[in-house]
């Protein structure tokens, strides 16, 4: 059942409309197994490679994200949209949230989704404290590093093109018309002074006044086959919608991975301007022994050099390693 939600927009709401590119939202949508407008072809192509990179300790978070076929738990929605494409800022905002608030949002999600047997990880997050929230943040960072970081540059560029196109339409057609053009199912109802958004599963047609708080338009390359309004008392009103451009999703044509293997390719790119073994392990979301194995193999292939700096050993790219990374920036 598809009902309509009217988002009542005052002049101030339209003036405060903004666009946001969110790494966290795209990561969560990418890991969600719900239905998609294209039948899920683009996402499945990406997932076929990414699923092999999911860290074992992050598997409970993937289960948590998929507790419902259409919606994700509210704590995983960015707390502060529009932070300059910065995953760290989004995760810091999540980590700074009060555990009691996280618990309330989890319970609200369980109730609205009708989950009779919620995943145990979801219940631990609901009933836990700061430690559980920190564990969630750590797992989300590891998931992004392992599954999405290599291709994020291309994805971010596509999302920025999307937001630039909406801004251009706003300049020529007006803010209301631009907001009503981001998705075929959305439309601006001038007589009602509202944005009409179809929402599957809504009990009936409803209207929510934005009340001068503005509206954040957030495109998602991995978005489901619907627009998802996020309306709560803390976050800015947000409308997540499927981006028109899906061509930025990685297709698996990573020449560097084909040459030295997926894990070694990720490690070589992650070393970048230099790091220690411990720092590399954190960037990749793997154990220190695994990171050490990567550095040994890359050093033996003359792709990195290891330099002692006091009590630390720092790994840096050799000219050959740097040339390979530059020629193969990533699958995205």
Protein backbone atom coordinates (compact mmCIF):
# COMPACT_ATOMS: atom_id res chain seq x y z
CA UNK A 1 0.00 0.00 0.00
CA UNK A 2 1.39 3.39 -1.00
CA UNK A 3 0.00 6.45 0.78
CA UNK A 4 1.02 10.07 0.43
CA UNK A 5 2.82 12.22 2.94
CA UNK A 6 2.48 15.98 2.59
CA UNK A 7 5.42 17.95 3.94
CA UNK A 8 4.02 21.37 4.68
CA UNK A 9 6.58 23.98 3.66
CA UNK A 10 6.52 27.58 4.73
CA UNK A 11 8.59 30.17 2.88
CA UNK A 12 11.25 29.82 5.59
CA UNK A 13 11.42 26.05 5.02
CA UNK A 14 12.11 26.57 1.33
CA UNK A 15 14.72 29.22 2.06
CA UNK A 16 16.45 26.80 4.45
CA UNK A 17 16.37 23.88 2.01
CA UNK A 18 19.80 22.37 1.50
CA UNK A 19 21.47 19.39 -0.11
CA UNK A 20 23.66 16.84 1.59
CA UNK A 21 26.06 14.13 0.40
CA UNK A 22 26.32 11.57 3.21
CA UNK A 23 28.90 8.74 3.25
CA UNK A 24 27.12 7.15 6.22
CA UNK A 25 23.69 7.14 4.57
CA UNK A 26 25.10 5.64 1.37
CA UNK A 27 26.98 2.98 3.34
CA UNK A 28 23.85 1.96 5.26
CA UNK A 29 21.75 1.90 2.08
CA UNK A 30 24.43 -0.15 0.32
CA UNK A 31 24.37 -2.78 3.07
CA UNK A 32 20.57 -2.96 3.12
CA UNK A 33 18.96 -5.80 1.15
CA UNK A 34 15.66 -4.06 0.40
CA UNK A 35 13.96 -3.77 -3.01
CA UNK A 36 15.30 -1.25 -5.50
CA UNK A 37 13.88 0.58 -8.47
CA UNK A 38 16.30 -1.07 -10.92
CA UNK A 39 15.64 -4.52 -9.52
CA UNK A 40 18.83 -4.25 -7.48
CA UNK A 41 21.16 -4.94 -10.42
CA UNK A 42 23.61 -2.13 -9.67
CA UNK A 43 23.69 -2.86 -5.96
CA UNK A 44 24.12 -6.60 -6.47
CA UNK A 45 27.03 -5.97 -8.82
CA UNK A 46 28.68 -3.90 -6.10
CA UNK A 47 27.74 -6.33 -3.31
CA UNK A 48 29.17 -9.34 -5.16
CA UNK A 49 32.64 -7.89 -4.50
CA UNK A 50 31.99 -5.99 -1.28
CA UNK A 51 30.49 -8.94 0.64
CA UNK A 52 33.89 -10.64 0.58
CA UNK A 53 35.42 -7.66 2.39
CA UNK A 54 32.98 -7.42 5.32
CA UNK A 55 35.01 -7.74 8.55
CA UNK A 56 33.84 -10.66 10.68
CA UNK A 57 33.31 -8.45 13.73
CA UNK A 58 30.99 -6.18 11.68
CA UNK A 59 28.61 -8.97 10.61
CA UNK A 60 26.19 -8.25 13.50
CA UNK A 61 25.87 -4.64 12.25
CA UNK A 62 24.94 -5.87 8.76
CA UNK A 63 22.26 -8.04 10.40
CA UNK A 64 21.08 -5.03 12.41
CA UNK A 65 20.77 -2.91 9.25
CA UNK A 66 18.67 -5.63 7.63
CA UNK A 67 16.26 -6.21 10.51
CA UNK A 68 13.47 -4.79 8.32
CA UNK A 69 13.19 -5.08 4.49
CA UNK A 70 12.51 -1.36 3.94
CA UNK A 71 13.69 0.70 6.90
CA UNK A 72 16.88 1.01 8.91
CA UNK A 73 17.23 1.85 12.62
CA UNK A 74 17.09 5.59 13.19
CA UNK A 75 20.48 5.85 15.00
CA UNK A 76 22.14 4.83 11.71
CA UNK A 77 20.64 7.84 9.94
CA UNK A 78 23.15 10.73 10.01
CA UNK A 79 22.69 12.92 13.07
CA UNK A 80 24.03 16.06 11.40
CA UNK A 81 23.44 15.99 7.63
CA UNK A 82 25.45 18.24 5.36
CA UNK A 83 28.87 17.99 7.03
CA UNK A 84 30.95 18.19 3.89
CA UNK A 85 31.02 14.55 2.79
CA UNK A 86 32.84 13.70 6.03
CA UNK A 87 32.26 10.21 7.45
CA UNK A 88 34.35 10.94 10.55
CA UNK A 89 32.13 13.89 11.49
CA UNK A 90 29.00 11.79 11.02
CA UNK A 91 30.39 8.99 13.19
CA UNK A 92 31.61 11.43 15.84
CA UNK A 93 28.09 12.83 16.07
CA UNK A 94 26.72 9.30 16.49
CA UNK A 95 29.29 8.48 19.18
CA UNK A 96 28.45 11.69 21.06
CA UNK A 97 24.74 10.83 21.22
CA UNK A 98 23.38 9.90 24.64
CA UNK A 99 22.91 6.10 24.98
CA UNK A 100 19.41 6.73 26.39
CA UNK A 101 18.45 8.50 23.18
CA UNK A 102 19.85 5.63 21.12
CA UNK A 103 17.78 3.22 23.20
CA UNK A 104 14.58 5.20 22.68
CA UNK A 105 15.13 5.37 18.92
CA UNK A 106 15.83 1.64 18.72
CA UNK A 107 12.63 0.85 20.63
CA UNK A 108 10.64 3.19 18.39
CA UNK A 109 12.08 1.39 15.34
CA UNK A 110 11.24 -2.05 16.81
CA UNK A 111 7.67 -0.96 17.51
CA UNK A 112 7.04 0.69 14.14
CA UNK A 113 8.65 -2.15 12.20
CA UNK A 114 6.65 -4.74 14.14
CA UNK A 115 9.74 -6.83 14.93
CA UNK A 116 8.67 -9.73 17.13
CA UNK A 117 12.20 -11.19 17.21
CA UNK A 118 14.69 -8.32 16.82
CA UNK A 119 18.36 -9.25 16.20
CA UNK A 120 20.32 -9.62 19.44
CA UNK A 121 22.70 -6.85 18.35
CA UNK A 122 19.77 -4.47 18.09
CA UNK A 123 18.64 -5.31 21.61
CA UNK A 124 22.15 -4.90 23.02
CA UNK A 125 22.38 -1.48 21.43
CA UNK A 126 18.95 -0.56 22.83
CA UNK A 127 19.75 -1.71 26.36
CA UNK A 128 23.46 -0.92 26.46
CA UNK A 129 25.47 2.20 27.06
CA UNK A 130 28.47 4.12 25.76
CA UNK A 131 30.47 0.94 25.12
CA UNK A 132 27.86 -0.47 22.74
CA UNK A 133 27.60 2.84 20.86
CA UNK A 134 31.39 2.99 20.48
CA UNK A 135 31.37 -0.57 19.18
CA UNK A 136 28.77 0.38 16.60
CA UNK A 137 30.83 3.38 15.49
CA UNK A 138 33.98 1.26 15.21
CA UNK A 139 32.15 -1.38 13.16
CA UNK A 140 30.63 1.23 10.82
CA UNK A 141 34.06 2.75 10.20
CA UNK A 142 35.52 -0.69 9.48
CA UNK A 143 32.65 -1.48 7.09
CA UNK A 144 33.21 1.74 5.16
CA UNK A 145 36.98 1.20 4.97
CA UNK A 146 36.62 -2.42 3.88
CA UNK A 147 33.64 -2.22 1.52
CA UNK A 148 33.29 1.30 0.17
CA UNK A 149 36.40 3.42 0.65
CA UNK A 150 38.09 2.33 -2.59
CA UNK A 151 35.13 3.39 -4.71
CA UNK A 152 33.89 6.33 -2.68
CA UNK A 153 35.72 8.93 -4.77
CA UNK A 154 33.66 8.11 -7.85
CA UNK A 155 30.46 7.78 -5.85
CA UNK A 156 30.98 11.14 -4.16
CA UNK A 157 31.62 12.81 -7.51
CA UNK A 158 28.34 11.42 -8.87
CA UNK A 159 26.43 12.57 -5.79
CA UNK A 160 27.93 16.03 -6.08
CA UNK A 161 26.82 16.18 -9.71
CA UNK A 162 23.34 15.22 -8.51
CA UNK A 163 23.22 17.99 -5.92
CA UNK A 164 24.66 20.51 -8.39
CA UNK A 165 21.87 19.68 -10.86
CA UNK A 166 19.23 20.25 -8.17
CA UNK A 167 20.85 23.57 -7.25
CA UNK A 168 20.81 24.62 -10.89
CA UNK A 169 17.11 23.78 -11.16
CA UNK A 170 16.47 25.78 -7.98
CA UNK A 171 18.18 28.80 -9.53
CA UNK A 172 16.09 28.62 -12.71
CA UNK A 173 12.76 27.11 -11.57
CA UNK A 174 12.62 28.08 -7.92
CA UNK A 175 13.20 26.17 -4.69
CA UNK A 176 9.77 24.53 -4.56
CA UNK A 177 9.95 23.23 -8.13
CA UNK A 178 13.49 21.96 -7.58
CA UNK A 179 12.45 20.02 -4.47
CA UNK A 180 9.55 18.52 -6.41
CA UNK A 181 11.83 17.37 -9.21
CA UNK A 182 14.32 15.17 -7.36
CA UNK A 183 12.27 12.00 -7.92
CA UNK A 184 9.42 11.08 -10.31
CA UNK A 185 7.09 10.23 -7.43
CA UNK A 186 7.56 13.57 -5.66
CA UNK A 187 5.69 16.71 -6.64
CA UNK A 188 5.17 20.23 -5.36
CA UNK A 189 1.55 20.96 -4.48
CA UNK A 190 1.40 24.73 -4.76
CA UNK A 191 -2.22 25.02 -3.63
CA UNK A 192 -1.48 23.05 -0.48
CA UNK A 193 1.92 24.63 0.09
CA UNK A 194 3.42 21.19 0.53
CA UNK A 195 5.75 18.63 -0.98
CA UNK A 196 3.91 15.38 -1.80
CA UNK A 197 5.97 12.26 -1.07
CA UNK A 198 4.66 8.70 -1.68
CA UNK A 199 5.52 6.47 1.28
CA UNK A 200 4.88 2.70 1.04
CA UNK A 201 3.44 1.18 4.21
CA UNK A 202 2.05 4.43 5.57
CA UNK A 203 -1.29 3.76 7.29
CA UNK A 204 -2.99 6.56 5.36
CA UNK A 205 -2.43 9.96 3.84
CA UNK A 206 -0.87 12.36 6.31
CA UNK A 207 0.51 15.87 6.55
CA UNK A 208 3.51 17.02 8.60
CA UNK A 209 4.43 20.68 8.97
CA UNK A 210 8.14 21.39 8.76
CA UNK A 211 7.54 24.47 10.85
CA UNK A 212 10.41 26.59 9.57
CA UNK A 213 13.09 23.94 10.28
CA UNK A 214 13.96 23.62 6.61
CA UNK A 215 14.49 20.46 4.59
CA UNK A 216 17.63 18.47 3.78
CA UNK A 217 17.54 16.69 0.41
CA UNK A 218 19.88 13.69 0.56
CA UNK A 219 20.51 11.59 -2.59
CA UNK A 220 21.57 7.95 -2.25
CA UNK A 221 23.23 5.92 -4.98
CA UNK A 222 22.09 2.73 -3.27
CA UNK A 223 18.66 4.02 -2.26
CA UNK A 224 15.63 1.78 -2.17
CA UNK A 225 12.75 2.09 -4.63
CA UNK A 226 11.17 4.81 -2.54
CA UNK A 227 11.82 8.18 -0.91
CA UNK A 228 12.42 8.04 2.82
CA UNK A 229 11.45 11.03 4.94
CA UNK A 230 13.30 11.27 8.25
CA UNK A 231 11.23 13.36 10.63
CA UNK A 232 12.09 13.49 14.30
CA UNK A 233 12.49 16.19 16.92
CA UNK A 234 16.30 16.25 16.88
CA UNK A 235 17.54 15.83 13.31
CA UNK A 236 16.79 18.42 10.63
CA UNK A 237 13.85 17.19 8.49
CA UNK A 238 15.47 15.06 5.79
CA UNK A 239 14.25 13.45 2.58
CA UNK A 240 16.43 10.62 1.29
CA UNK A 241 15.79 9.85 -2.37
CA UNK A 242 17.31 7.54 -5.02
CA UNK A 243 19.94 9.43 -7.02
CA UNK A 244 19.34 9.54 -10.75
CA UNK A 245 22.95 8.61 -11.54
CA UNK A 246 23.75 4.99 -10.71
CA UNK A 247 26.68 4.72 -13.13
CA UNK A 248 29.21 5.57 -10.43
CA UNK A 249 28.85 2.24 -8.65
CA UNK A 250 31.98 0.10 -8.98
CA UNK A 251 31.78 -2.61 -11.62
CA UNK A 252 34.65 -4.70 -10.35
CA UNK A 253 37.20 -3.61 -12.94
CA UNK A 254 40.05 -3.02 -10.49
CA UNK A 255 43.31 -3.65 -12.33
CA UNK A 256 45.45 -3.36 -9.20
CA UNK A 257 43.37 -5.98 -7.37
CA UNK A 258 43.64 -8.27 -10.39
CA UNK A 259 47.42 -7.86 -10.28
CA UNK A 260 48.20 -8.28 -6.56
CA UNK A 261 44.91 -9.39 -5.00
CA UNK A 262 42.03 -7.51 -3.39
CA UNK A 263 43.50 -7.42 0.12
CA UNK A 264 46.96 -6.26 -0.98
CA UNK A 265 45.42 -3.63 -3.25
CA UNK A 266 43.34 -2.23 -0.40
CA UNK A 267 46.40 -2.19 1.86
CA UNK A 268 48.57 -0.44 -0.72
CA UNK A 269 45.94 2.27 -1.23
CA UNK A 270 45.36 2.61 2.51
CA UNK A 271 49.08 3.19 3.20
CA UNK A 272 48.83 6.29 1.02
CA UNK A 273 51.12 8.96 2.44
CA UNK A 274 52.49 6.58 5.05
CA UNK A 275 51.41 4.81 8.25
CA UNK A 276 52.46 2.29 10.88
CA UNK A 277 51.24 -1.30 10.94
CA UNK A 278 48.78 -0.45 13.71
CA UNK A 279 47.41 2.50 11.77
CA UNK A 280 47.07 0.34 8.66
CA UNK A 281 45.14 -2.30 10.65
CA UNK A 282 42.75 0.41 11.87
CA UNK A 283 42.26 1.80 8.37
CA UNK A 284 41.50 -1.62 6.94
CA UNK A 285 39.47 -2.90 9.90
CA UNK A 286 41.70 -6.00 10.21
CA UNK A 287 43.92 -7.47 12.91
CA UNK A 288 47.53 -6.32 13.39
CA UNK A 289 48.94 -9.71 12.22
CA UNK A 290 46.90 -9.48 9.00
CA UNK A 291 48.14 -5.94 8.39
CA UNK A 292 51.68 -7.13 9.04
CA UNK A 293 51.28 -9.88 6.44
CA UNK A 294 50.15 -7.28 3.91
CA UNK A 295 53.13 -5.02 4.59
CA UNK A 296 55.58 -7.94 4.33
CA UNK A 297 54.18 -9.00 0.94
CA UNK A 298 54.14 -5.43 -0.38
CA UNK A 299 57.69 -4.79 0.85
CA UNK A 300 58.92 -8.00 -0.78
CA UNK A 301 57.34 -6.81 -4.06
CA UNK A 302 59.17 -3.45 -3.70
CA UNK A 303 55.85 -1.59 -3.54
CA UNK A 304 56.49 -0.12 -0.09
CA UNK A 305 59.51 0.67 2.06
CA UNK A 306 59.56 0.42 5.85
CA UNK A 307 61.47 3.16 7.66
CA UNK A 308 62.22 3.25 11.38
CA UNK A 309 61.32 6.51 13.10
CA UNK A 310 62.38 6.28 16.75
CA UNK A 311 60.32 3.49 18.32
CA UNK A 312 57.98 3.24 15.33
CA UNK A 313 58.26 1.66 11.87
CA UNK A 314 56.52 3.70 9.19
CA UNK A 315 55.51 2.22 5.81
CA UNK A 316 55.64 4.44 2.72
CA UNK A 317 55.01 3.82 -0.96
CA UNK A 318 57.97 3.32 -3.24
CA UNK A 319 58.02 4.99 -6.65
CA UNK A 320 56.70 1.74 -8.15
CA UNK A 321 53.93 1.44 -5.55
CA UNK A 322 52.94 5.06 -6.02
CA UNK A 323 52.83 4.65 -9.79
CA UNK A 324 50.56 1.59 -9.50
CA UNK A 325 48.16 3.39 -7.16
CA UNK A 326 48.05 6.47 -9.41
CA UNK A 327 47.33 4.32 -12.46
CA UNK A 328 44.65 2.34 -10.60
CA UNK A 329 42.89 4.79 -8.23
CA UNK A 330 40.16 2.28 -7.35
CA UNK A 331 37.22 0.32 -8.66
CA UNK A 332 35.03 3.41 -8.30
